Amino acid sequence: NSKAIPEQVVFTLRVWGLLRGLCSSLSVDIPLLDIFAAHAQRALVAAVAPRASLKDTTREASELQTAVSDACRLYPGAGIAVCAYDNGQLLFEAYGGTLGCTNPEVVGASTLFPLAEATRMIQGVL
């Protein structure tokens, strides 16, 4: 079935094979996979625009939304979820970015972050 593999994938694999053959015949050692990986990461980050969603439109919520959007632009491929509670009541929340450079899933209210990994560093310092 000719439609089983997208033509862009076939084209990319052909180009990769030609480049590998050229490098081999010229005895040149170029990390093609690293080069392709860097371009793939940039493409994934560009495919998912940073966003923030808020339940409140107060000045504080607006400032939080701006901070989340700025963080998503500053660290493409990183996700963030921020919320503020007062006496158990949710005041406002904001989400933005993705789960990572290689995982374009958008961060939202139900996103789980691996916090156990982050606390290991704190335990090591103590």
Foldseek 3Di string as FASTA:
>chain_A
DVPPDDPVVVVVVVVVVVVVVVCVVVVHDDPVVVVVVVVLLVVLLVVAQKAKDKPDDDPVQVVVRVVQNVVCVVDGFPKDKDWDDDPRHTDMIIIIHAHGSVGSHGDDPPDDDPVVVVCVVVVVVD
